[in-house]
């Protein structure tokens, strides 16, 4: 890859911070005048960062999830929402409308078979040359590690969740 070519980034692992890192990159890119598209798979609930991101004209965020099913099994509606989103994201990438595309929780969407891994890989491999694509989520398949130019694994060492502290507004949600 040349210095001017866009890369695929993968933020995965069991630790906290994958989406946060991707959003930080989006804000940095917007500050540099780049256009960013964020597709959130398996997420449909309101998260505090959405309120701020909607105020940044260079960033567009769309959710392709219903509720958070991570503790259960996806429903047919979850699958349909993710696939509809993937169709739209595929067009966004092919049409090269954005400098950066963030596919938040794409790894979980593939793991739970909301999306077909081979279709996602083809889209990544065929991406426009200068576009950066950021993949997030636990349980990234080995093939995502192979196509990524940057891989960061978030490793949980200690988490207050284990002591009964759940999502706090402005910190986790």
N, C-alpha and C. Protein backbone atom coordinates (compact mmCIF):
# COMPACT_ATOMS: atom_id res chain seq x y z
N UNK A 1 0.84 -1.19 0.00
CA UNK A 1 0.00 0.00 0.00
C UNK A 1 0.87 1.25 0.00
N UNK A 2 0.44 2.24 -0.72
CA UNK A 2 1.17 3.50 -0.73
C UNK A 2 0.71 4.37 0.43
N UNK A 3 1.47 5.43 0.69
CA UNK A 3 1.14 6.35 1.77
C UNK A 3 -0.19 7.04 1.54
N UNK A 4 -0.61 7.17 0.29
CA UNK A 4 -1.84 7.88 -0.04
C UNK A 4 -3.06 6.97 -0.10
N UNK A 5 -2.85 5.70 0.10
CA UNK A 5 -3.98 4.77 0.03
C UNK A 5 -4.68 4.69 1.37
N UNK A 6 -6.00 4.54 1.33
CA UNK A 6 -6.77 4.39 2.55
C UNK A 6 -6.61 3.00 3.13
N UNK A 7 -6.73 2.91 4.42
CA UNK A 7 -6.55 1.65 5.11
C UNK A 7 -7.84 1.18 5.76
N UNK A 8 -7.84 -0.08 6.12
CA UNK A 8 -8.91 -0.66 6.92
C UNK A 8 -8.37 -0.78 8.33
N UNK A 9 -9.13 -0.25 9.29
CA UNK A 9 -8.76 -0.32 10.70
C UNK A 9 -9.71 -1.32 11.36
N UNK A 10 -9.21 -2.07 12.31
CA UNK A 10 -10.04 -3.01 13.08
C UNK A 10 -9.81 -2.75 14.56
N UNK A 11 -10.91 -2.39 15.26
CA UNK A 11 -10.88 -2.23 16.72
C UNK A 11 -11.74 -3.34 17.28
N UNK A 12 -11.10 -4.30 17.95
CA UNK A 12 -11.82 -5.47 18.43
C UNK A 12 -11.36 -5.82 19.83
N UNK A 13 -11.86 -6.92 20.36
CA UNK A 13 -11.47 -7.40 21.68
C UNK A 13 -12.60 -7.24 22.69
N UNK A 14 -12.35 -7.76 23.89
CA UNK A 14 -13.37 -7.77 24.94
C UNK A 14 -13.33 -6.53 25.82
N UNK A 15 -12.40 -5.65 25.61
CA UNK A 15 -12.30 -4.45 26.43
C UNK A 15 -13.19 -3.33 25.93
N UNK A 16 -13.40 -2.35 26.79
CA UNK A 16 -14.21 -1.17 26.50
C UNK A 16 -13.41 -0.22 25.62
N UNK A 17 -14.10 0.47 24.70
CA UNK A 17 -13.44 1.56 23.98
C UNK A 17 -13.38 1.45 22.47
N UNK A 18 -13.94 0.41 21.90
CA UNK A 18 -13.86 0.23 20.44
C UNK A 18 -14.65 1.31 19.70
N UNK A 19 -15.90 1.49 20.06
CA UNK A 19 -16.72 2.53 19.44
C UNK A 19 -16.17 3.91 19.79
N UNK A 20 -15.74 4.08 21.02
CA UNK A 20 -15.20 5.36 21.46
C UNK A 20 -13.98 5.74 20.61
N UNK A 21 -13.11 4.79 20.34
CA UNK A 21 -11.93 5.07 19.50
C UNK A 21 -12.36 5.46 18.09
N UNK A 22 -13.33 4.75 17.55
CA UNK A 22 -13.80 5.06 16.19
C UNK A 22 -14.43 6.45 16.13
N UNK A 23 -15.19 6.81 17.15
CA UNK A 23 -15.82 8.13 17.18
C UNK A 23 -14.76 9.22 17.35
N UNK A 24 -13.76 8.95 18.14
CA UNK A 24 -12.66 9.90 18.26
C UNK A 24 -11.99 10.16 16.92
N UNK A 25 -11.78 9.08 16.15
CA UNK A 25 -11.21 9.23 14.82
C UNK A 25 -12.14 10.04 13.92
N UNK A 26 -13.44 9.80 14.04
CA UNK A 26 -14.43 10.53 13.22
C UNK A 26 -14.38 12.03 13.52
N UNK A 27 -14.30 12.38 14.80
CA UNK A 27 -14.25 13.79 15.18
C UNK A 27 -12.95 14.43 14.67
N UNK A 28 -11.84 13.73 14.80
CA UNK A 28 -10.56 14.23 14.29
C UNK A 28 -10.66 14.45 12.78
N UNK A 29 -11.20 13.48 12.07
CA UNK A 29 -11.32 13.59 10.61
C UNK A 29 -12.22 14.76 10.22
N UNK A 30 -13.34 14.92 10.91
CA UNK A 30 -14.24 16.03 10.63
C UNK A 30 -13.53 17.36 10.85
N UNK A 31 -12.72 17.44 11.88
CA UNK A 31 -11.94 18.64 12.15
C UNK A 31 -10.96 18.96 11.04
N UNK A 32 -10.56 17.93 10.30
CA UNK A 32 -9.66 18.12 9.16
C UNK A 32 -10.43 18.32 7.86
N UNK A 33 -11.77 18.44 7.96
CA UNK A 33 -12.59 18.68 6.78
C UNK A 33 -12.99 17.44 6.01
N UNK A 34 -12.77 16.27 6.58
CA UNK A 34 -13.15 15.02 5.90
C UNK A 34 -14.60 14.67 6.20
N UNK A 35 -15.23 14.02 5.23
CA UNK A 35 -16.61 13.57 5.40
C UNK A 35 -16.62 12.15 5.95
N UNK A 36 -17.45 11.93 6.97
CA UNK A 36 -17.48 10.65 7.68
C UNK A 36 -18.90 10.10 7.70
N UNK A 37 -19.01 8.81 7.43
CA UNK A 37 -20.28 8.10 7.55
C UNK A 37 -20.11 7.02 8.61
N UNK A 38 -21.01 7.01 9.59
CA UNK A 38 -20.97 5.99 10.65
C UNK A 38 -22.24 5.16 10.55
N UNK A 39 -22.06 3.87 10.32
CA UNK A 39 -23.18 2.93 10.31
C UNK A 39 -23.05 2.08 11.56
N UNK A 40 -24.08 2.10 12.39
CA UNK A 40 -24.07 1.30 13.61
C UNK A 40 -24.96 0.08 13.42
N UNK A 41 -24.34 -1.08 13.39
CA UNK A 41 -25.06 -2.34 13.28
C UNK A 41 -25.34 -2.86 14.69
N UNK A 42 -26.46 -3.52 14.86
CA UNK A 42 -26.84 -4.12 16.15
C UNK A 42 -27.03 -3.07 17.23
N UNK A 43 -27.18 -1.82 16.86
CA UNK A 43 -27.45 -0.74 17.82
C UNK A 43 -28.62 0.07 17.29
N UNK A 44 -29.59 0.29 18.14
CA UNK A 44 -30.72 1.11 17.75
C UNK A 44 -31.17 2.03 18.86
N UNK A 45 -30.52 1.87 20.00
CA UNK A 45 -30.89 2.69 21.15
C UNK A 45 -30.19 4.04 21.06
N UNK A 46 -30.69 5.00 21.82
CA UNK A 46 -30.06 6.31 21.83
C UNK A 46 -28.82 6.28 22.72
N UNK A 47 -27.70 6.71 22.16
CA UNK A 47 -26.46 6.84 22.91
C UNK A 47 -26.10 8.32 22.94
N UNK A 48 -25.54 8.79 24.03
CA UNK A 48 -25.28 10.21 24.23
C UNK A 48 -24.45 10.82 23.11
N UNK A 49 -23.49 10.08 22.57
CA UNK A 49 -22.63 10.65 21.53
C UNK A 49 -23.40 11.03 20.26
N UNK A 50 -24.53 10.40 20.03
CA UNK A 50 -25.31 10.69 18.82
C UNK A 50 -25.78 12.14 18.81
N UNK A 51 -26.12 12.65 19.98
CA UNK A 51 -26.59 14.03 20.10
C UNK A 51 -25.53 15.01 19.60
N UNK A 52 -24.30 14.79 19.97
CA UNK A 52 -23.21 15.66 19.56
C UNK A 52 -22.81 15.42 18.11
N UNK A 53 -22.73 14.16 17.71
CA UNK A 53 -22.31 13.85 16.34
C UNK A 53 -23.27 14.45 15.30
N UNK A 54 -24.55 14.51 15.63
CA UNK A 54 -25.53 15.09 14.70
C UNK A 54 -25.30 16.58 14.48
N UNK A 55 -24.57 17.23 15.38
CA UNK A 55 -24.27 18.66 15.24
C UNK A 55 -23.07 18.92 14.34
N UNK A 56 -22.33 17.88 14.00
CA UNK A 56 -21.13 18.03 13.17
C UNK A 56 -21.51 17.73 11.72
N UNK A 57 -21.51 18.75 10.89
CA UNK A 57 -22.04 18.61 9.53
C UNK A 57 -21.24 17.61 8.68
N UNK A 58 -19.99 17.37 9.00
CA UNK A 58 -19.18 16.43 8.21
C UNK A 58 -19.43 14.97 8.58
N UNK A 59 -20.23 14.73 9.61
CA UNK A 59 -20.47 13.36 10.08
C UNK A 59 -21.94 13.01 9.94
N UNK A 60 -22.20 11.86 9.33
CA UNK A 60 -23.56 11.32 9.25
C UNK A 60 -23.57 9.99 9.99
N UNK A 61 -24.56 9.80 10.87
CA UNK A 61 -24.68 8.56 11.64
C UNK A 61 -26.05 7.95 11.36
N UNK A 62 -26.06 6.65 11.04
CA UNK A 62 -27.31 5.93 10.84
C UNK A 62 -27.21 4.62 11.60
N UNK A 63 -28.27 4.30 12.33
CA UNK A 63 -28.32 3.04 13.08
C UNK A 63 -29.11 2.00 12.30
N UNK A 64 -28.55 0.80 12.24
CA UNK A 64 -29.20 -0.32 11.56
C UNK A 64 -29.42 -1.45 12.55
N UNK A 65 -29.95 -1.10 13.68
CA UNK A 65 -30.27 -2.09 14.69
C UNK A 65 -31.55 -1.66 15.38
N UNK A 66 -32.11 -2.57 16.13
CA UNK A 66 -33.33 -2.27 16.87
C UNK A 66 -32.94 -2.06 18.33
N UNK A 67 -33.10 -3.06 19.12
CA UNK A 67 -32.63 -2.99 20.51
C UNK A 67 -31.28 -3.71 20.57
N UNK A 68 -30.67 -3.68 21.71
CA UNK A 68 -29.41 -4.38 21.89
C UNK A 68 -29.70 -5.83 22.25
N UNK A 69 -29.42 -6.76 21.35
CA UNK A 69 -29.73 -8.16 21.59
C UNK A 69 -28.52 -8.95 22.06
N UNK A 70 -27.42 -8.30 22.33
CA UNK A 70 -26.16 -8.98 22.59
C UNK A 70 -26.28 -10.06 23.67
N UNK A 71 -27.22 -9.92 24.59
CA UNK A 71 -27.39 -10.92 25.64
C UNK A 71 -28.36 -12.02 25.23
N UNK A 72 -28.94 -11.91 24.06
CA UNK A 72 -29.88 -12.93 23.59
C UNK A 72 -29.55 -13.34 22.17
N UNK A 73 -30.55 -13.70 21.46
CA UNK A 73 -30.38 -14.08 20.06
C UNK A 73 -31.05 -13.04 19.19
N UNK A 74 -30.50 -12.78 18.02
CA UNK A 74 -31.13 -11.82 17.12
C UNK A 74 -32.45 -12.35 16.59
N UNK A 75 -33.37 -11.42 16.39
CA UNK A 75 -34.66 -11.78 15.82
C UNK A 75 -34.59 -11.62 14.30
N UNK A 76 -35.62 -12.06 13.62
CA UNK A 76 -35.71 -11.86 12.18
C UNK A 76 -35.67 -10.37 11.86
N UNK A 77 -36.28 -9.56 12.71
CA UNK A 77 -36.28 -8.10 12.51
C UNK A 77 -34.87 -7.53 12.65
N UNK A 78 -34.08 -8.06 13.59
CA UNK A 78 -32.68 -7.63 13.75
C UNK A 78 -31.90 -7.93 12.47
N UNK A 79 -32.11 -9.12 11.94
CA UNK A 79 -31.41 -9.53 10.72
C UNK A 79 -31.81 -8.65 9.55
N UNK A 80 -33.10 -8.40 9.39
CA UNK A 80 -33.57 -7.55 8.29
C UNK A 80 -33.02 -6.13 8.41
N UNK A 81 -32.98 -5.57 9.62
CA UNK A 81 -32.46 -4.22 9.81
C UNK A 81 -30.98 -4.15 9.43
N UNK A 82 -30.21 -5.14 9.86
CA UNK A 82 -28.78 -5.16 9.54
C UNK A 82 -28.55 -5.32 8.04
N UNK A 83 -29.29 -6.18 7.41
CA UNK A 83 -29.10 -6.40 5.96
C UNK A 83 -29.52 -5.19 5.15
N UNK A 84 -30.59 -4.54 5.56
CA UNK A 84 -31.00 -3.30 4.91
C UNK A 84 -29.88 -2.26 5.04
N UNK A 85 -29.34 -2.16 6.22
CA UNK A 85 -28.23 -1.24 6.45
C UNK A 85 -27.02 -1.58 5.62
N UNK A 86 -26.70 -2.86 5.51
CA UNK A 86 -25.54 -3.27 4.73
C UNK A 86 -25.72 -2.91 3.26
N UNK A 87 -26.92 -3.05 2.75
CA UNK A 87 -27.18 -2.66 1.36
C UNK A 87 -26.90 -1.18 1.17
N UNK A 88 -27.36 -0.36 2.10
CA UNK A 88 -27.14 1.09 1.99
C UNK A 88 -25.66 1.42 2.12
N UNK A 89 -24.99 0.82 3.11
CA UNK A 89 -23.57 1.06 3.32
C UNK A 89 -22.76 0.62 2.10
N UNK A 90 -23.15 -0.48 1.50
CA UNK A 90 -22.45 -0.95 0.30
C UNK A 90 -22.51 0.11 -0.79
N UNK A 91 -23.67 0.72 -0.98
CA UNK A 91 -23.82 1.78 -1.98
C UNK A 91 -22.97 2.99 -1.60
N UNK A 92 -22.97 3.36 -0.33
CA UNK A 92 -22.17 4.50 0.15
C UNK A 92 -20.69 4.27 -0.18
N UNK A 93 -20.21 3.07 0.07
CA UNK A 93 -18.80 2.76 -0.18
C UNK A 93 -18.52 2.73 -1.69
N UNK A 94 -19.33 2.04 -2.44
CA UNK A 94 -19.11 1.96 -3.90
C UNK A 94 -19.14 3.34 -4.56
N UNK A 95 -20.04 4.20 -4.10
CA UNK A 95 -20.18 5.53 -4.70
C UNK A 95 -19.12 6.51 -4.19
N UNK A 96 -18.32 6.08 -3.20
CA UNK A 96 -17.18 6.86 -2.72
C UNK A 96 -17.61 8.26 -2.28
N UNK A 97 -18.69 8.34 -1.52
CA UNK A 97 -19.25 9.62 -1.07
C UNK A 97 -18.57 10.17 0.18
N UNK A 98 -17.82 9.36 0.89
CA UNK A 98 -17.22 9.76 2.16
C UNK A 98 -15.74 9.41 2.16
N UNK A 99 -14.98 10.16 2.96
CA UNK A 99 -13.55 9.86 3.11
C UNK A 99 -13.35 8.69 4.07
N UNK A 100 -14.21 8.63 5.08
CA UNK A 100 -14.10 7.61 6.12
C UNK A 100 -15.47 6.99 6.35
N UNK A 101 -15.49 5.66 6.42
CA UNK A 101 -16.72 4.94 6.73
C UNK A 101 -16.44 4.07 7.95
N UNK A 102 -17.24 4.26 8.98
CA UNK A 102 -17.11 3.47 10.21
C UNK A 102 -18.25 2.47 10.26
N UNK A 103 -17.90 1.21 10.36
CA UNK A 103 -18.88 0.13 10.44
C UNK A 103 -18.86 -0.38 11.89
N UNK A 104 -19.59 0.33 12.73
CA UNK A 104 -19.60 0.06 14.16
C UNK A 104 -20.38 -1.21 14.45
N UNK A 105 -19.76 -2.10 15.19
CA UNK A 105 -20.34 -3.40 15.58
C UNK A 105 -20.53 -4.35 14.38
N UNK A 106 -19.79 -4.12 13.32
CA UNK A 106 -19.87 -5.02 12.15
C UNK A 106 -19.38 -6.43 12.53
N UNK A 107 -18.41 -6.51 13.44
CA UNK A 107 -17.89 -7.82 13.84
C UNK A 107 -18.96 -8.65 14.54
N UNK A 108 -19.71 -8.02 15.43
CA UNK A 108 -20.81 -8.71 16.12
C UNK A 108 -21.90 -9.09 15.12
N UNK A 109 -22.17 -8.20 14.17
CA UNK A 109 -23.20 -8.49 13.16
C UNK A 109 -22.82 -9.72 12.34
N UNK A 110 -21.54 -9.87 12.05
CA UNK A 110 -21.08 -11.05 11.31
C UNK A 110 -21.10 -12.26 12.23
N UNK A 111 -20.62 -12.11 13.45
CA UNK A 111 -20.58 -13.23 14.40
C UNK A 111 -21.97 -13.84 14.61
N UNK A 112 -22.99 -12.98 14.76
CA UNK A 112 -24.35 -13.46 14.97
C UNK A 112 -25.09 -13.75 13.67
N UNK A 113 -24.37 -13.68 12.57
CA UNK A 113 -24.91 -14.02 11.24
C UNK A 113 -26.03 -13.08 10.78
N UNK A 114 -25.98 -11.84 11.28
CA UNK A 114 -26.88 -10.83 10.74
C UNK A 114 -26.43 -10.48 9.33
N UNK A 115 -25.13 -10.55 9.12
CA UNK A 115 -24.53 -10.25 7.82
C UNK A 115 -23.64 -11.41 7.40
N UNK A 116 -23.50 -11.58 6.10
CA UNK A 116 -22.67 -12.63 5.54
C UNK A 116 -21.21 -12.17 5.50
N UNK A 117 -20.33 -12.93 6.13
CA UNK A 117 -18.92 -12.57 6.22
C UNK A 117 -18.28 -12.40 4.84
N UNK A 118 -18.61 -13.27 3.90
CA UNK A 118 -18.02 -13.18 2.56
C UNK A 118 -18.43 -11.90 1.85
N UNK A 119 -19.68 -11.48 2.03
CA UNK A 119 -20.14 -10.24 1.41
C UNK A 119 -19.42 -9.03 2.01
N UNK A 120 -19.24 -9.05 3.32
CA UNK A 120 -18.54 -7.95 3.99
C UNK A 120 -17.09 -7.90 3.51
N UNK A 121 -16.44 -9.04 3.44
CA UNK A 121 -15.04 -9.09 2.97
C UNK A 121 -14.90 -8.57 1.55
N UNK A 122 -15.82 -8.96 0.68
CA UNK A 122 -15.77 -8.48 -0.70
C UNK A 122 -15.88 -6.97 -0.75
N UNK A 123 -16.79 -6.42 0.04
CA UNK A 123 -16.95 -4.97 0.09
C UNK A 123 -15.67 -4.30 0.57
N UNK A 124 -15.02 -4.86 1.58
CA UNK A 124 -13.78 -4.30 2.10
C UNK A 124 -12.66 -4.36 1.08
N UNK A 125 -12.53 -5.49 0.43
CA UNK A 125 -11.46 -5.68 -0.55
C UNK A 125 -11.66 -4.75 -1.76
N UNK A 126 -12.90 -4.52 -2.14
CA UNK A 126 -13.21 -3.69 -3.30
C UNK A 126 -13.37 -2.20 -2.99
N UNK A 127 -13.07 -1.77 -1.78
CA UNK A 127 -13.28 -0.38 -1.38
C UNK A 127 -12.48 0.57 -2.27
N UNK A 128 -12.96 1.82 -2.42
CA UNK A 128 -12.18 2.81 -3.16
C UNK A 128 -10.82 3.02 -2.48
N UNK A 129 -9.80 3.23 -3.27
CA UNK A 129 -8.41 3.27 -2.80
C UNK A 129 -8.11 4.20 -1.65
N UNK A 130 -8.62 5.42 -1.67
CA UNK A 130 -8.25 6.39 -0.62
C UNK A 130 -9.19 6.37 0.58
N UNK A 131 -10.27 5.64 0.50
CA UNK A 131 -11.23 5.60 1.60
C UNK A 131 -10.66 4.81 2.78
N UNK A 132 -10.87 5.35 4.00
CA UNK A 132 -10.53 4.63 5.23
C UNK A 132 -11.81 3.96 5.71
N UNK A 133 -11.71 2.71 6.09
CA UNK A 133 -12.86 2.01 6.65
C UNK A 133 -12.46 1.49 8.02
N UNK A 134 -13.31 1.79 9.01
CA UNK A 134 -13.04 1.38 10.38
C UNK A 134 -14.09 0.35 10.77
N UNK A 135 -13.64 -0.81 11.23
CA UNK A 135 -14.50 -1.90 11.69
C UNK A 135 -14.39 -1.98 13.20
N UNK A 136 -15.52 -2.13 13.88
CA UNK A 136 -15.47 -2.29 15.34
C UNK A 136 -16.28 -3.51 15.76
N UNK A 137 -16.02 -3.97 16.95
CA UNK A 137 -16.83 -5.01 17.55
C UNK A 137 -16.02 -6.18 18.07
N UNK A 138 -16.60 -6.84 19.04
CA UNK A 138 -16.00 -8.07 19.58
C UNK A 138 -16.11 -9.18 18.54
N UNK A 139 -15.31 -10.21 18.75
CA UNK A 139 -15.40 -11.44 17.97
C UNK A 139 -15.15 -11.23 16.48
N UNK A 140 -14.15 -10.42 16.15
CA UNK A 140 -13.79 -10.20 14.75
C UNK A 140 -13.31 -11.51 14.14
N UNK A 141 -13.79 -11.84 12.96
CA UNK A 141 -13.31 -13.06 12.31
C UNK A 141 -11.85 -12.89 11.86
N UNK A 142 -11.09 -13.98 11.79
CA UNK A 142 -9.68 -13.90 11.38
C UNK A 142 -9.48 -13.19 10.04
N UNK A 143 -10.44 -13.32 9.14
CA UNK A 143 -10.32 -12.68 7.82
C UNK A 143 -10.28 -11.16 7.93
N UNK A 144 -10.93 -10.59 8.95
CA UNK A 144 -10.89 -9.13 9.14
C UNK A 144 -9.49 -8.70 9.56
N UNK A 145 -8.82 -9.52 10.38
CA UNK A 145 -7.44 -9.23 10.77
C UNK A 145 -6.55 -9.20 9.53
N UNK A 146 -6.80 -10.10 8.61
CA UNK A 146 -5.97 -10.21 7.41
C UNK A 146 -6.10 -9.00 6.49
N UNK A 147 -7.31 -8.47 6.30
CA UNK A 147 -7.49 -7.35 5.37
C UNK A 147 -7.18 -6.00 6.01
N UNK A 148 -7.12 -5.95 7.32
CA UNK A 148 -6.88 -4.68 8.01
C UNK A 148 -5.41 -4.29 7.94
N UNK A 149 -5.17 -2.99 7.77
CA UNK A 149 -3.82 -2.45 7.83
C UNK A 149 -3.46 -2.02 9.24
N UNK A 150 -4.46 -1.88 10.10
CA UNK A 150 -4.27 -1.50 11.50
C UNK A 150 -5.24 -2.33 12.33
N UNK A 151 -4.71 -2.99 13.32
CA UNK A 151 -5.56 -3.79 14.23
C UNK A 151 -5.23 -3.38 15.66
N UNK A 152 -6.26 -3.03 16.41
CA UNK A 152 -6.12 -2.73 17.83
C UNK A 152 -7.06 -3.65 18.58
N UNK A 153 -6.52 -4.35 19.56
CA UNK A 153 -7.34 -5.21 20.38
C UNK A 153 -7.49 -4.58 21.76
N UNK A 154 -8.74 -4.32 22.14
CA UNK A 154 -9.03 -3.78 23.45
C UNK A 154 -9.14 -4.97 24.42
N UNK A 155 -8.30 -4.98 25.43
CA UNK A 155 -8.27 -6.09 26.37
C UNK A 155 -8.77 -5.61 27.73
N UNK A 156 -9.77 -6.29 28.25
CA UNK A 156 -10.27 -5.95 29.57
C UNK A 156 -9.32 -6.50 30.63
N UNK A 157 -8.85 -5.61 31.47
CA UNK A 157 -8.04 -6.01 32.61
C UNK A 157 -8.92 -6.01 33.87
N UNK A 158 -9.72 -4.95 33.98
CA UNK A 158 -10.61 -4.79 35.12
C UNK A 158 -11.77 -3.92 34.65
N UNK A 159 -12.98 -4.22 35.09
CA UNK A 159 -14.15 -3.43 34.69
C UNK A 159 -15.13 -3.39 35.85
N UNK A 160 -15.59 -2.21 36.20
CA UNK A 160 -16.55 -2.04 37.29
C UNK A 160 -17.88 -2.71 37.01
N UNK A 161 -18.14 -3.08 35.77
CA UNK A 161 -19.34 -3.84 35.41
C UNK A 161 -19.42 -5.12 36.25
N UNK A 162 -18.26 -5.71 36.52
CA UNK A 162 -18.20 -6.95 37.30
C UNK A 162 -18.68 -6.75 38.73
N UNK A 163 -18.72 -5.49 39.18
CA UNK A 163 -19.19 -5.17 40.53
C UNK A 163 -20.59 -4.58 40.52
N UNK A 164 -21.30 -4.78 39.41
CA UNK A 164 -22.68 -4.32 39.34
C UNK A 164 -22.87 -2.89 38.86
N UNK A 165 -21.82 -2.24 38.37
CA UNK A 165 -21.93 -0.88 37.84
C UNK A 165 -22.21 -1.00 36.35
N UNK A 166 -23.41 -0.60 35.94
CA UNK A 166 -23.82 -0.75 34.54
C UNK A 166 -23.71 0.57 33.80
N UNK A 167 -24.16 0.60 32.55
CA UNK A 167 -24.03 1.77 31.70
C UNK A 167 -24.43 3.08 32.36
N UNK A 168 -23.47 3.99 32.47
CA UNK A 168 -23.72 5.31 33.05
C UNK A 168 -23.80 6.34 31.94
N UNK A 169 -24.80 7.19 32.01
CA UNK A 169 -25.01 8.21 30.99
C UNK A 169 -23.78 9.09 30.85
N UNK A 170 -23.33 9.26 29.62
CA UNK A 170 -22.16 10.08 29.35
C UNK A 170 -20.84 9.34 29.46
N UNK A 171 -20.85 8.14 29.99
CA UNK A 171 -19.63 7.33 30.10
C UNK A 171 -19.75 6.10 29.21
N UNK A 172 -20.77 5.28 29.42
CA UNK A 172 -20.98 4.11 28.58
C UNK A 172 -22.13 4.28 27.61
N UNK A 173 -23.03 5.18 27.88
CA UNK A 173 -24.21 5.34 27.00
C UNK A 173 -24.66 6.78 26.95
